[in-house]
Amino acid sequence: MISHKGEIHADGSVALSGWLLPDVMTVNATLSYGATDWLAVQGHANYGFENAYGQLSAGVYRQTGRNFLVDAYLGYGYGGSWRERDEDDNYEYSGSYHLPFVQFNCGWIDLGRTHLDLGFGLKGGLFYPDFEYHAYDADNVEKPDSYEHYQSMNYLLEPMLQLRLGSEKVKFRLGLGLGFLDDLGESSKFTYDFYTLSGGVTFFFR
């Protein structure tokens, strides 16, 4: 939610993702910059000990009225996840994915004494995975019928909600993101966490 040329947002947060109960934690960092009066660029990265992801994007933004913003981005992301077998689990998987995407955002900034920001986003992309799954029996011998190599392209849809409040220079942030892949059900071994809750701090350089 860049509002003018030269503005910089530096954001750090912790996020929890899950299907029912959260089971994945990531640390996240995002840097956004208003390059011109209409062009903004952004970089984002997160790491979750068994997963990692990074993306770059560029887009156009416009402030309509005193406090309302709209923007649209085109970007590209790359990530991966992995799990090694241990004493508790007799399986392992690893792989990576590519994600070209578009994202549309709108929201209000600097409302009231708390400088409240309230933003809504919608991200759509093409998810190209390349993952392998292996399972082993009690003698640590791989089960041939358990192997799966998943490479089916999915359509991705991610609606997002973000709230920030604080001062002109520092704001605390809360976020909710939902993620939907259209045909991951074709895989018998791979699932995904469809929601993410996050909290963090955003620093503003204006």
N, C-alpha and C. Protein backbone atom coordinates (compact mmCIF):
# COMPACT_ATOMS: atom_id res chain seq x y z
N MET A 1 0.84 -1.20 0.00
CA MET A 1 0.00 0.00 0.00
C MET A 1 0.88 1.25 0.00
N ILE A 2 1.70 1.40 -1.05
CA ILE A 2 2.53 2.58 -1.26
C ILE A 2 1.63 3.74 -1.69
N SER A 3 1.90 4.96 -1.17
CA SER A 3 1.03 6.09 -1.49
C SER A 3 1.73 7.19 -2.29
N HIS A 4 3.09 7.21 -2.33
CA HIS A 4 3.75 8.27 -3.09
C HIS A 4 5.19 7.89 -3.41
N LYS A 5 5.79 8.63 -4.32
CA LYS A 5 7.16 8.39 -4.76
C LYS A 5 8.14 8.54 -3.60
N GLY A 6 9.09 7.62 -3.51
CA GLY A 6 10.11 7.66 -2.48
C GLY A 6 9.73 6.99 -1.18
N GLU A 7 8.48 6.59 -1.03
CA GLU A 7 8.05 5.94 0.21
C GLU A 7 8.61 4.52 0.28
N ILE A 8 9.06 4.11 1.47
CA ILE A 8 9.59 2.76 1.70
C ILE A 8 8.88 2.15 2.89
N HIS A 9 8.43 0.90 2.73
CA HIS A 9 7.88 0.11 3.82
C HIS A 9 8.80 -1.08 4.06
N ALA A 10 9.21 -1.29 5.31
CA ALA A 10 9.99 -2.47 5.70
C ALA A 10 9.18 -3.23 6.74
N ASP A 11 8.83 -4.46 6.42
CA ASP A 11 7.91 -5.22 7.25
C ASP A 11 8.55 -6.54 7.69
N GLY A 12 8.42 -6.86 8.97
CA GLY A 12 8.85 -8.14 9.50
C GLY A 12 7.72 -8.76 10.29
N SER A 13 7.52 -10.08 10.16
CA SER A 13 6.41 -10.72 10.84
C SER A 13 6.68 -12.19 11.07
N VAL A 14 5.85 -12.78 11.92
CA VAL A 14 5.82 -14.21 12.16
C VAL A 14 4.44 -14.70 11.75
N ALA A 15 4.37 -15.83 11.06
CA ALA A 15 3.09 -16.34 10.57
C ALA A 15 2.90 -17.80 10.97
N LEU A 16 1.64 -18.16 11.21
CA LEU A 16 1.25 -19.53 11.51
C LEU A 16 0.26 -19.98 10.45
N SER A 17 0.50 -21.17 9.89
CA SER A 17 -0.37 -21.71 8.85
C SER A 17 -0.88 -23.08 9.25
N GLY A 18 -2.04 -23.44 8.72
CA GLY A 18 -2.57 -24.76 9.05
C GLY A 18 -3.78 -25.12 8.22
N TRP A 19 -4.29 -26.32 8.48
CA TRP A 19 -5.54 -26.79 7.90
C TRP A 19 -6.65 -26.64 8.93
N LEU A 20 -6.47 -27.29 10.09
CA LEU A 20 -7.35 -27.05 11.24
C LEU A 20 -6.57 -26.25 12.28
N LEU A 21 -5.65 -26.91 13.00
CA LEU A 21 -4.77 -26.21 13.93
C LEU A 21 -3.49 -25.82 13.21
N PRO A 22 -2.92 -24.66 13.55
CA PRO A 22 -1.65 -24.26 12.90
C PRO A 22 -0.55 -25.28 13.16
N ASP A 23 0.18 -25.65 12.11
CA ASP A 23 1.25 -26.63 12.26
C ASP A 23 2.54 -26.20 11.56
N VAL A 24 2.55 -25.00 10.97
CA VAL A 24 3.75 -24.49 10.30
C VAL A 24 3.96 -23.04 10.73
N MET A 25 5.19 -22.71 11.13
CA MET A 25 5.53 -21.34 11.48
C MET A 25 6.60 -20.83 10.53
N THR A 26 6.45 -19.59 10.07
CA THR A 26 7.45 -18.97 9.19
C THR A 26 7.79 -17.57 9.71
N VAL A 27 8.99 -17.14 9.40
CA VAL A 27 9.38 -15.75 9.62
C VAL A 27 9.42 -15.08 8.25
N ASN A 28 8.95 -13.83 8.19
CA ASN A 28 8.72 -13.17 6.91
C ASN A 28 9.34 -11.77 6.89
N ALA A 29 9.80 -11.36 5.73
CA ALA A 29 10.31 -10.01 5.54
C ALA A 29 9.86 -9.49 4.18
N THR A 30 9.40 -8.23 4.16
CA THR A 30 8.92 -7.61 2.92
C THR A 30 9.46 -6.18 2.84
N LEU A 31 9.92 -5.79 1.66
CA LEU A 31 10.39 -4.43 1.42
C LEU A 31 9.67 -3.88 0.20
N SER A 32 9.00 -2.73 0.36
CA SER A 32 8.24 -2.10 -0.73
C SER A 32 8.75 -0.69 -0.95
N TYR A 33 8.74 -0.25 -2.21
CA TYR A 33 9.32 1.06 -2.55
C TYR A 33 8.52 1.73 -3.66
N GLY A 34 8.18 3.00 -3.45
CA GLY A 34 7.54 3.79 -4.49
C GLY A 34 8.58 4.38 -5.42
N ALA A 35 8.80 3.73 -6.57
CA ALA A 35 9.88 4.14 -7.47
C ALA A 35 9.54 5.42 -8.22
N THR A 36 8.28 5.61 -8.61
CA THR A 36 7.85 6.84 -9.30
C THR A 36 6.49 7.24 -8.70
N ASP A 37 5.85 8.20 -9.34
CA ASP A 37 4.53 8.63 -8.89
C ASP A 37 3.45 7.59 -9.15
N TRP A 38 3.76 6.55 -9.91
CA TRP A 38 2.75 5.53 -10.20
C TRP A 38 3.29 4.10 -10.12
N LEU A 39 4.61 3.91 -10.06
CA LEU A 39 5.23 2.58 -10.09
C LEU A 39 5.80 2.23 -8.72
N ALA A 40 5.46 1.02 -8.23
CA ALA A 40 6.01 0.50 -6.97
C ALA A 40 6.63 -0.86 -7.22
N VAL A 41 7.67 -1.17 -6.46
CA VAL A 41 8.32 -2.48 -6.54
C VAL A 41 8.36 -3.09 -5.14
N GLN A 42 8.40 -4.43 -5.11
CA GLN A 42 8.36 -5.11 -3.82
C GLN A 42 9.14 -6.42 -3.87
N GLY A 43 9.80 -6.74 -2.76
CA GLY A 43 10.45 -8.03 -2.59
C GLY A 43 9.98 -8.66 -1.29
N HIS A 44 9.79 -9.95 -1.30
CA HIS A 44 9.29 -10.66 -0.11
C HIS A 44 10.01 -12.00 -0.01
N ALA A 45 10.28 -12.42 1.24
CA ALA A 45 10.88 -13.73 1.49
C ALA A 45 10.36 -14.27 2.82
N ASN A 46 10.22 -15.58 2.90
CA ASN A 46 9.89 -16.21 4.19
C ASN A 46 10.62 -17.54 4.31
N TYR A 47 10.81 -17.95 5.57
CA TYR A 47 11.51 -19.20 5.86
C TYR A 47 10.82 -19.89 7.02
N GLY A 48 10.59 -21.21 6.88
CA GLY A 48 9.87 -21.95 7.90
C GLY A 48 10.55 -23.22 8.34
N PHE A 49 11.89 -23.32 8.22
CA PHE A 49 12.68 -24.46 8.69
C PHE A 49 12.47 -25.71 7.84
N GLU A 50 11.27 -25.95 7.33
CA GLU A 50 11.05 -27.03 6.36
C GLU A 50 10.43 -26.48 5.08
N ASN A 51 10.49 -25.17 4.91
CA ASN A 51 9.98 -24.54 3.69
C ASN A 51 10.61 -23.17 3.54
N ALA A 52 10.63 -22.69 2.31
CA ALA A 52 11.18 -21.37 2.02
C ALA A 52 10.51 -20.84 0.76
N TYR A 53 10.39 -19.51 0.67
CA TYR A 53 9.73 -18.90 -0.49
C TYR A 53 10.23 -17.48 -0.65
N GLY A 54 10.34 -17.03 -1.91
CA GLY A 54 10.69 -15.65 -2.21
C GLY A 54 9.98 -15.18 -3.46
N GLN A 55 9.67 -13.88 -3.53
CA GLN A 55 9.02 -13.35 -4.72
C GLN A 55 9.44 -11.90 -4.95
N LEU A 56 9.36 -11.49 -6.22
CA LEU A 56 9.58 -10.12 -6.64
C LEU A 56 8.38 -9.68 -7.46
N SER A 57 7.99 -8.40 -7.30
CA SER A 57 6.84 -7.91 -8.06
C SER A 57 6.98 -6.42 -8.32
N ALA A 58 6.25 -5.96 -9.32
CA ALA A 58 6.20 -4.54 -9.67
C ALA A 58 4.79 -4.22 -10.11
N GLY A 59 4.34 -3.00 -9.81
CA GLY A 59 2.98 -2.68 -10.17
C GLY A 59 2.69 -1.19 -10.14
N VAL A 60 1.46 -0.86 -10.42
CA VAL A 60 1.00 0.52 -10.45
C VAL A 60 0.12 0.78 -9.24
N TYR A 61 0.17 2.01 -8.74
CA TYR A 61 -0.66 2.38 -7.60
C TYR A 61 -1.27 3.76 -7.83
N ARG A 62 -2.38 4.00 -7.14
CA ARG A 62 -3.05 5.29 -7.28
C ARG A 62 -3.81 5.59 -5.99
N GLN A 63 -3.65 6.79 -5.50
CA GLN A 63 -4.43 7.23 -4.34
C GLN A 63 -5.63 8.02 -4.83
N THR A 64 -6.82 7.56 -4.45
CA THR A 64 -8.06 8.23 -4.83
C THR A 64 -8.67 8.83 -3.57
N GLY A 65 -8.79 10.13 -3.53
CA GLY A 65 -9.24 10.78 -2.31
C GLY A 65 -8.08 10.90 -1.33
N ARG A 66 -8.39 11.25 -0.12
CA ARG A 66 -7.35 11.52 0.86
C ARG A 66 -6.73 10.26 1.43
N ASN A 67 -7.52 9.19 1.61
CA ASN A 67 -7.04 8.02 2.34
C ASN A 67 -7.20 6.70 1.62
N PHE A 68 -7.78 6.66 0.44
CA PHE A 68 -8.07 5.39 -0.23
C PHE A 68 -7.04 5.12 -1.33
N LEU A 69 -6.52 3.87 -1.34
CA LEU A 69 -5.50 3.46 -2.31
C LEU A 69 -5.97 2.24 -3.09
N VAL A 70 -5.55 2.17 -4.34
CA VAL A 70 -5.71 0.96 -5.16
C VAL A 70 -4.38 0.69 -5.84
N ASP A 71 -4.05 -0.61 -6.01
CA ASP A 71 -2.83 -0.95 -6.74
C ASP A 71 -2.97 -2.33 -7.36
N ALA A 72 -2.12 -2.60 -8.33
CA ALA A 72 -2.11 -3.89 -9.03
C ALA A 72 -0.67 -4.26 -9.33
N TYR A 73 -0.31 -5.51 -9.07
CA TYR A 73 1.06 -5.98 -9.22
C TYR A 73 1.13 -7.20 -10.13
N LEU A 74 2.26 -7.32 -10.81
CA LEU A 74 2.62 -8.51 -11.57
C LEU A 74 3.92 -9.03 -10.97
N GLY A 75 3.97 -10.34 -10.65
CA GLY A 75 5.16 -10.85 -9.97
C GLY A 75 5.46 -12.29 -10.26
N TYR A 76 6.57 -12.74 -9.66
CA TYR A 76 7.03 -14.11 -9.85
C TYR A 76 7.61 -14.61 -8.53
N GLY A 77 7.20 -15.81 -8.13
CA GLY A 77 7.68 -16.40 -6.89
C GLY A 77 8.28 -17.78 -7.12
N TYR A 78 9.19 -18.16 -6.22
CA TYR A 78 9.81 -19.48 -6.26
C TYR A 78 9.99 -19.96 -4.82
N GLY A 79 9.62 -21.21 -4.58
CA GLY A 79 9.74 -21.75 -3.22
C GLY A 79 9.90 -23.25 -3.22
N GLY A 80 9.96 -23.79 -2.02
CA GLY A 80 10.10 -25.23 -1.88
C GLY A 80 9.79 -25.66 -0.46
N SER A 81 9.61 -26.95 -0.27
CA SER A 81 9.42 -27.51 1.07
C SER A 81 10.00 -28.91 1.08
N TRP A 82 10.28 -29.39 2.31
CA TRP A 82 10.95 -30.68 2.44
C TRP A 82 10.71 -31.22 3.83
N ARG A 83 10.78 -32.52 3.97
CA ARG A 83 10.75 -33.18 5.28
C ARG A 83 11.54 -34.47 5.19
N GLU A 84 12.48 -34.65 6.10
CA GLU A 84 13.27 -35.87 6.13
C GLU A 84 12.66 -36.86 7.12
N ARG A 85 12.74 -38.13 6.80
CA ARG A 85 12.18 -39.15 7.71
C ARG A 85 13.01 -39.21 8.99
N ASP A 86 12.31 -39.53 10.09
CA ASP A 86 12.97 -39.63 11.39
C ASP A 86 12.35 -40.77 12.18
N GLU A 87 12.57 -40.80 13.48
CA GLU A 87 12.07 -41.89 14.31
C GLU A 87 10.55 -41.93 14.34
N ASP A 88 9.89 -40.78 14.14
CA ASP A 88 8.44 -40.73 14.23
C ASP A 88 7.74 -40.90 12.89
N ASP A 89 8.40 -40.53 11.82
CA ASP A 89 7.77 -40.59 10.49
C ASP A 89 8.59 -41.47 9.57
N ASN A 90 7.90 -42.36 8.86
CA ASN A 90 8.58 -43.27 7.95
C ASN A 90 8.44 -42.82 6.50
N TYR A 91 8.33 -41.51 6.29
CA TYR A 91 8.22 -40.98 4.94
C TYR A 91 9.06 -39.71 4.83
N GLU A 92 9.30 -39.30 3.60
CA GLU A 92 9.99 -38.04 3.34
C GLU A 92 9.51 -37.48 2.02
N TYR A 93 9.62 -36.18 1.88
CA TYR A 93 9.27 -35.53 0.62
C TYR A 93 10.14 -34.30 0.44
N SER A 94 10.24 -33.86 -0.79
CA SER A 94 10.97 -32.63 -1.09
C SER A 94 10.55 -32.16 -2.48
N GLY A 95 10.74 -30.87 -2.72
CA GLY A 95 10.41 -30.34 -4.03
C GLY A 95 10.38 -28.84 -4.03
N SER A 96 10.07 -28.28 -5.18
CA SER A 96 10.03 -26.84 -5.36
C SER A 96 8.86 -26.49 -6.27
N TYR A 97 8.60 -25.18 -6.38
CA TYR A 97 7.52 -24.74 -7.25
C TYR A 97 7.80 -23.33 -7.76
N HIS A 98 7.21 -23.03 -8.91
CA HIS A 98 7.25 -21.71 -9.52
C HIS A 98 5.85 -21.10 -9.46
N LEU A 99 5.78 -19.78 -9.29
CA LEU A 99 4.48 -19.14 -9.14
C LEU A 99 4.46 -17.75 -9.80
N PRO A 100 4.14 -17.65 -11.09
CA PRO A 100 3.84 -16.34 -11.67
C PRO A 100 2.45 -15.91 -11.21
N PHE A 101 2.27 -14.61 -10.92
CA PHE A 101 1.00 -14.19 -10.33
C PHE A 101 0.68 -12.73 -10.66
N VAL A 102 -0.58 -12.39 -10.46
CA VAL A 102 -1.06 -11.01 -10.45
C VAL A 102 -1.75 -10.79 -9.11
N GLN A 103 -1.71 -9.54 -8.63
CA GLN A 103 -2.33 -9.24 -7.34
C GLN A 103 -2.95 -7.86 -7.38
N PHE A 104 -4.17 -7.76 -6.85
CA PHE A 104 -4.90 -6.50 -6.78
C PHE A 104 -5.16 -6.17 -5.30
N ASN A 105 -4.92 -4.91 -4.91
CA ASN A 105 -5.11 -4.49 -3.53
C ASN A 105 -5.89 -3.18 -3.49
N CYS A 106 -6.61 -2.98 -2.40
CA CYS A 106 -7.25 -1.70 -2.14
C CYS A 106 -7.39 -1.54 -0.64
N GLY A 107 -7.50 -0.29 -0.18
CA GLY A 107 -7.65 -0.09 1.25
C GLY A 107 -7.52 1.36 1.65
N TRP A 108 -7.68 1.58 2.95
CA TRP A 108 -7.62 2.91 3.53
C TRP A 108 -6.35 3.04 4.37
N ILE A 109 -5.74 4.20 4.37
CA ILE A 109 -4.51 4.42 5.13
C ILE A 109 -4.65 5.63 6.04
N ASP A 110 -3.92 5.58 7.18
CA ASP A 110 -3.78 6.71 8.11
C ASP A 110 -5.12 7.28 8.57
N LEU A 111 -6.00 6.37 9.01
CA LEU A 111 -7.30 6.81 9.51
C LEU A 111 -7.22 7.09 11.01
N GLY A 112 -7.64 8.27 11.41
CA GLY A 112 -7.76 8.60 12.82
C GLY A 112 -6.43 8.76 13.54
N ARG A 113 -6.53 8.83 14.87
CA ARG A 113 -5.35 9.06 15.70
C ARG A 113 -4.40 7.87 15.73
N THR A 114 -4.92 6.67 15.48
CA THR A 114 -4.07 5.48 15.50
C THR A 114 -3.43 5.22 14.14
N HIS A 115 -3.67 6.11 13.16
CA HIS A 115 -3.11 5.94 11.81
C HIS A 115 -3.46 4.56 11.25
N LEU A 116 -4.70 4.17 11.41
CA LEU A 116 -5.17 2.85 11.01
C LEU A 116 -5.07 2.64 9.51
N ASP A 117 -4.51 1.50 9.11
CA ASP A 117 -4.54 1.03 7.72
C ASP A 117 -5.40 -0.22 7.66
N LEU A 118 -6.27 -0.29 6.68
CA LEU A 118 -7.09 -1.48 6.47
C LEU A 118 -7.05 -1.82 5.00
N GLY A 119 -6.49 -2.99 4.67
CA GLY A 119 -6.31 -3.35 3.27
C GLY A 119 -6.86 -4.72 2.92
N PHE A 120 -7.32 -4.84 1.67
CA PHE A 120 -7.82 -6.10 1.12
C PHE A 120 -7.01 -6.43 -0.13
N GLY A 121 -6.67 -7.70 -0.31
CA GLY A 121 -5.92 -8.11 -1.48
C GLY A 121 -6.47 -9.38 -2.09
N LEU A 122 -6.24 -9.56 -3.38
CA LEU A 122 -6.62 -10.78 -4.08
C LEU A 122 -5.50 -11.15 -5.04
N LYS A 123 -4.90 -12.31 -4.81
CA LYS A 123 -3.77 -12.78 -5.60
C LYS A 123 -4.19 -14.00 -6.40
N GLY A 124 -3.88 -14.03 -7.66
CA GLY A 124 -4.16 -15.17 -8.52
C GLY A 124 -2.91 -15.57 -9.28
N GLY A 125 -2.65 -16.87 -9.38
CA GLY A 125 -1.44 -17.29 -10.05
C GLY A 125 -1.52 -18.70 -10.59
N LEU A 126 -0.41 -19.12 -11.20
CA LEU A 126 -0.26 -20.46 -11.74
C LEU A 126 0.82 -21.17 -10.93
N PHE A 127 0.43 -22.22 -10.25
CA PHE A 127 1.31 -22.95 -9.33
C PHE A 127 1.88 -24.16 -10.06
N TYR A 128 3.21 -24.15 -10.30
CA TYR A 128 3.89 -25.23 -11.03
C TYR A 128 4.77 -26.01 -10.04
N PRO A 129 4.29 -27.15 -9.52
CA PRO A 129 5.07 -27.90 -8.52
C PRO A 129 5.93 -28.99 -9.16
N ASP A 130 6.94 -29.39 -8.42
CA ASP A 130 7.77 -30.55 -8.77
C ASP A 130 8.21 -31.20 -7.46
N PHE A 131 7.38 -32.12 -6.95
CA PHE A 131 7.60 -32.73 -5.64
C PHE A 131 7.68 -34.25 -5.75
N GLU A 132 8.51 -34.84 -4.89
CA GLU A 132 8.62 -36.29 -4.79
C GLU A 132 8.36 -36.75 -3.36
N TYR A 133 7.68 -37.89 -3.26
CA TYR A 133 7.33 -38.48 -1.96
C TYR A 133 7.84 -39.92 -1.92
N HIS A 134 8.44 -40.30 -0.77
CA HIS A 134 8.92 -41.66 -0.57
C HIS A 134 8.49 -42.14 0.81
N ALA A 135 8.11 -43.41 0.91
CA ALA A 135 7.77 -44.01 2.20
C ALA A 135 8.57 -45.30 2.37
N TYR A 136 8.79 -45.69 3.64
CA TYR A 136 9.66 -46.83 3.95
C TYR A 136 8.97 -47.76 4.94
N ASP A 137 9.33 -49.05 4.87
CA ASP A 137 8.77 -50.02 5.80
C ASP A 137 9.60 -50.07 7.08
N ALA A 138 9.27 -51.00 7.97
CA ALA A 138 9.94 -51.08 9.27
C ALA A 138 11.42 -51.42 9.14
N ASP A 139 11.84 -51.99 8.01
CA ASP A 139 13.24 -52.32 7.78
C ASP A 139 13.97 -51.23 6.99
N ASN A 140 13.33 -50.05 6.89
CA ASN A 140 13.91 -48.91 6.16
C ASN A 140 14.10 -49.18 4.68
N VAL A 141 13.26 -50.04 4.13
CA VAL A 141 13.26 -50.31 2.69
C VAL A 141 12.12 -49.51 2.06
N GLU A 142 12.43 -48.82 0.98
CA GLU A 142 11.40 -47.99 0.35
C GLU A 142 10.28 -48.84 -0.21
N LYS A 143 9.05 -48.39 -0.01
CA LYS A 143 7.87 -49.05 -0.56
C LYS A 143 7.66 -48.57 -1.99
N PRO A 144 7.84 -49.44 -2.96
CA PRO A 144 7.74 -49.00 -4.37
C PRO A 144 6.38 -48.40 -4.71
N ASP A 145 5.30 -48.94 -4.13
CA ASP A 145 3.97 -48.46 -4.49
C ASP A 145 3.62 -47.14 -3.81
N SER A 146 4.49 -46.64 -2.93
CA SER A 146 4.19 -45.39 -2.23
C SER A 146 4.75 -44.17 -2.96
N TYR A 147 5.66 -44.37 -3.88
CA TYR A 147 6.34 -43.24 -4.53
C TYR A 147 5.34 -42.40 -5.33
N GLU A 148 5.48 -41.09 -5.20
CA GLU A 148 4.66 -40.19 -6.01
C GLU A 148 5.51 -39.01 -6.46
N HIS A 149 5.36 -38.67 -7.73
CA HIS A 149 6.03 -37.50 -8.32
C HIS A 149 4.92 -36.58 -8.80
N TYR A 150 4.74 -35.47 -8.09
CA TYR A 150 3.61 -34.59 -8.38
C TYR A 150 4.07 -33.37 -9.17
N GLN A 151 3.50 -33.19 -10.37
CA GLN A 151 3.89 -32.08 -11.25
C GLN A 151 2.69 -31.40 -11.90
N SER A 152 1.50 -31.58 -11.37
CA SER A 152 0.30 -31.02 -11.99
C SER A 152 0.19 -29.52 -11.72
N MET A 153 0.01 -28.74 -12.76
CA MET A 153 -0.18 -27.31 -12.60
C MET A 153 -1.53 -27.05 -11.93
N ASN A 154 -1.54 -26.09 -10.99
CA ASN A 154 -2.75 -25.69 -10.29
C ASN A 154 -2.99 -24.20 -10.48
N TYR A 155 -4.26 -23.82 -10.49
CA TYR A 155 -4.62 -22.41 -10.38
C TYR A 155 -4.67 -22.06 -8.89
N LEU A 156 -4.05 -20.94 -8.55
CA LEU A 156 -3.99 -20.50 -7.16
C LEU A 156 -4.82 -19.23 -6.98
N LEU A 157 -5.59 -19.18 -5.89
CA LEU A 157 -6.34 -17.99 -5.52
C LEU A 157 -6.10 -17.70 -4.04
N GLU A 158 -5.67 -16.46 -3.72
CA GLU A 158 -5.35 -16.07 -2.34
C GLU A 158 -6.02 -14.74 -1.99
N PRO A 159 -7.14 -14.76 -1.29
CA PRO A 159 -7.66 -13.51 -0.72
C PRO A 159 -6.93 -13.18 0.58
N MET A 160 -6.75 -11.87 0.85
CA MET A 160 -5.97 -11.44 2.01
C MET A 160 -6.63 -10.24 2.68
N LEU A 161 -6.42 -10.14 3.99
CA LEU A 161 -6.90 -9.02 4.80
C LEU A 161 -5.75 -8.57 5.70
N GLN A 162 -5.54 -7.25 5.79
CA GLN A 162 -4.45 -6.72 6.61
C GLN A 162 -4.92 -5.50 7.39
N LEU A 163 -4.50 -5.43 8.66
CA LEU A 163 -4.82 -4.30 9.53
C LEU A 163 -3.54 -3.83 10.19
N ARG A 164 -3.30 -2.51 10.16
CA ARG A 164 -2.12 -1.93 10.81
C ARG A 164 -2.54 -0.71 11.61
N LEU A 165 -1.89 -0.51 12.76
CA LEU A 165 -2.13 0.70 13.54
C LEU A 165 -0.91 1.02 14.37
N GLY A 166 -0.76 2.31 14.67
CA GLY A 166 0.41 2.76 15.42
C GLY A 166 0.65 4.23 15.21
N SER A 167 1.86 4.58 14.79
CA SER A 167 2.24 5.96 14.54
C SER A 167 2.52 6.14 13.05
N GLU A 168 2.96 7.33 12.67
CA GLU A 168 3.29 7.57 11.27
C GLU A 168 4.51 6.76 10.83
N LYS A 169 5.40 6.42 11.76
CA LYS A 169 6.65 5.76 11.42
C LYS A 169 6.66 4.25 11.70
N VAL A 170 5.90 3.81 12.69
CA VAL A 170 5.91 2.39 13.08
C VAL A 170 4.47 1.94 13.33
N LYS A 171 4.11 0.81 12.73
CA LYS A 171 2.76 0.27 12.93
C LYS A 171 2.84 -1.23 13.20
N PHE A 172 1.98 -1.67 14.10
CA PHE A 172 1.83 -3.10 14.35
C PHE A 172 0.82 -3.65 13.34
N ARG A 173 1.10 -4.86 12.87
CA ARG A 173 0.31 -5.41 11.76
C ARG A 173 -0.27 -6.77 12.13
N LEU A 174 -1.53 -7.00 11.72
CA LEU A 174 -2.18 -8.30 11.80
C LEU A 174 -2.66 -8.66 10.41
N GLY A 175 -2.53 -9.92 10.04
CA GLY A 175 -2.94 -10.34 8.71
C GLY A 175 -3.60 -11.69 8.69
N LEU A 176 -4.49 -11.88 7.73
CA LEU A 176 -5.13 -13.16 7.47
C LEU A 176 -5.08 -13.43 5.98
N GLY A 177 -4.58 -14.60 5.60
CA GLY A 177 -4.54 -14.99 4.20
C GLY A 177 -5.13 -16.37 4.01
N LEU A 178 -5.88 -16.56 2.94
CA LEU A 178 -6.45 -17.86 2.57
C LEU A 178 -5.86 -18.27 1.24
N GLY A 179 -5.64 -19.56 1.06
CA GLY A 179 -5.07 -20.06 -0.20
C GLY A 179 -5.86 -21.25 -0.72
N PHE A 180 -6.15 -21.25 -2.02
CA PHE A 180 -6.92 -22.33 -2.64
C PHE A 180 -6.22 -22.78 -3.92
N LEU A 181 -5.94 -24.08 -4.01
CA LEU A 181 -5.41 -24.70 -5.23
C LEU A 181 -6.51 -25.56 -5.83
N ASP A 182 -6.66 -25.55 -7.15
CA ASP A 182 -7.88 -26.11 -7.73
C ASP A 182 -7.88 -27.62 -7.88
N ASP A 183 -6.71 -28.29 -8.06
CA ASP A 183 -6.79 -29.74 -8.29
C ASP A 183 -5.71 -30.52 -7.57
N LEU A 184 -5.28 -30.03 -6.39
CA LEU A 184 -4.31 -30.79 -5.62
C LEU A 184 -4.91 -32.12 -5.15
N GLY A 185 -6.24 -32.24 -5.20
CA GLY A 185 -6.89 -33.49 -4.83
C GLY A 185 -6.48 -34.67 -5.70
N GLU A 186 -5.88 -34.40 -6.86
CA GLU A 186 -5.39 -35.49 -7.70
C GLU A 186 -4.23 -36.22 -7.04
N SER A 187 -3.56 -35.57 -6.08
CA SER A 187 -2.45 -36.19 -5.38
C SER A 187 -2.95 -36.92 -4.15
N SER A 188 -2.46 -38.13 -3.92
CA SER A 188 -2.85 -38.90 -2.74
C SER A 188 -1.92 -38.64 -1.56
N LYS A 189 -0.79 -37.97 -1.77
CA LYS A 189 0.22 -37.78 -0.72
C LYS A 189 0.40 -36.32 -0.29
N PHE A 190 0.08 -35.36 -1.15
CA PHE A 190 0.37 -33.96 -0.85
C PHE A 190 -0.89 -33.19 -0.50
N THR A 191 -0.80 -32.38 0.53
CA THR A 191 -1.86 -31.45 0.92
C THR A 191 -1.23 -30.08 1.13
N TYR A 192 -2.03 -29.09 1.49
CA TYR A 192 -1.50 -27.76 1.75
C TYR A 192 -2.33 -27.10 2.85
N ASP A 193 -1.70 -26.17 3.55
CA ASP A 193 -2.37 -25.40 4.59
C ASP A 193 -3.10 -24.23 3.93
N PHE A 194 -4.40 -24.13 4.18
CA PHE A 194 -5.18 -23.17 3.41
C PHE A 194 -5.35 -21.81 4.09
N TYR A 195 -4.87 -21.64 5.33
CA TYR A 195 -4.96 -20.31 5.94
C TYR A 195 -3.65 -19.96 6.63
N THR A 196 -3.40 -18.66 6.74
CA THR A 196 -2.21 -18.14 7.42
C THR A 196 -2.61 -16.94 8.27
N LEU A 197 -2.23 -16.97 9.54
CA LEU A 197 -2.40 -15.84 10.45
C LEU A 197 -1.02 -15.25 10.72
N SER A 198 -0.89 -13.93 10.66
CA SER A 198 0.43 -13.32 10.85
C SER A 198 0.33 -12.08 11.73
N GLY A 199 1.43 -11.78 12.39
CA GLY A 199 1.55 -10.58 13.19
C GLY A 199 2.96 -10.04 13.11
N GLY A 200 3.10 -8.72 13.06
CA GLY A 200 4.44 -8.16 12.93
C GLY A 200 4.44 -6.66 13.05
N VAL A 201 5.51 -6.06 12.54
CA VAL A 201 5.73 -4.62 12.63
C VAL A 201 6.14 -4.10 11.26
N THR A 202 5.61 -2.94 10.89
CA THR A 202 5.98 -2.27 9.64
C THR A 202 6.61 -0.92 9.97
N PHE A 203 7.77 -0.65 9.35
CA PHE A 203 8.45 0.63 9.50
C PHE A 203 8.27 1.44 8.23
N PHE A 204 7.97 2.74 8.39
CA PHE A 204 7.71 3.62 7.25
C PHE A 204 8.81 4.66 7.14
N PHE A 205 9.34 4.79 5.92
CA PHE A 205 10.35 5.81 5.63
C PHE A 205 9.78 6.70 4.54
N ARG A 206 9.43 7.93 4.91
CA ARG A 206 8.73 8.81 3.98
C ARG A 206 9.48 10.10 3.74
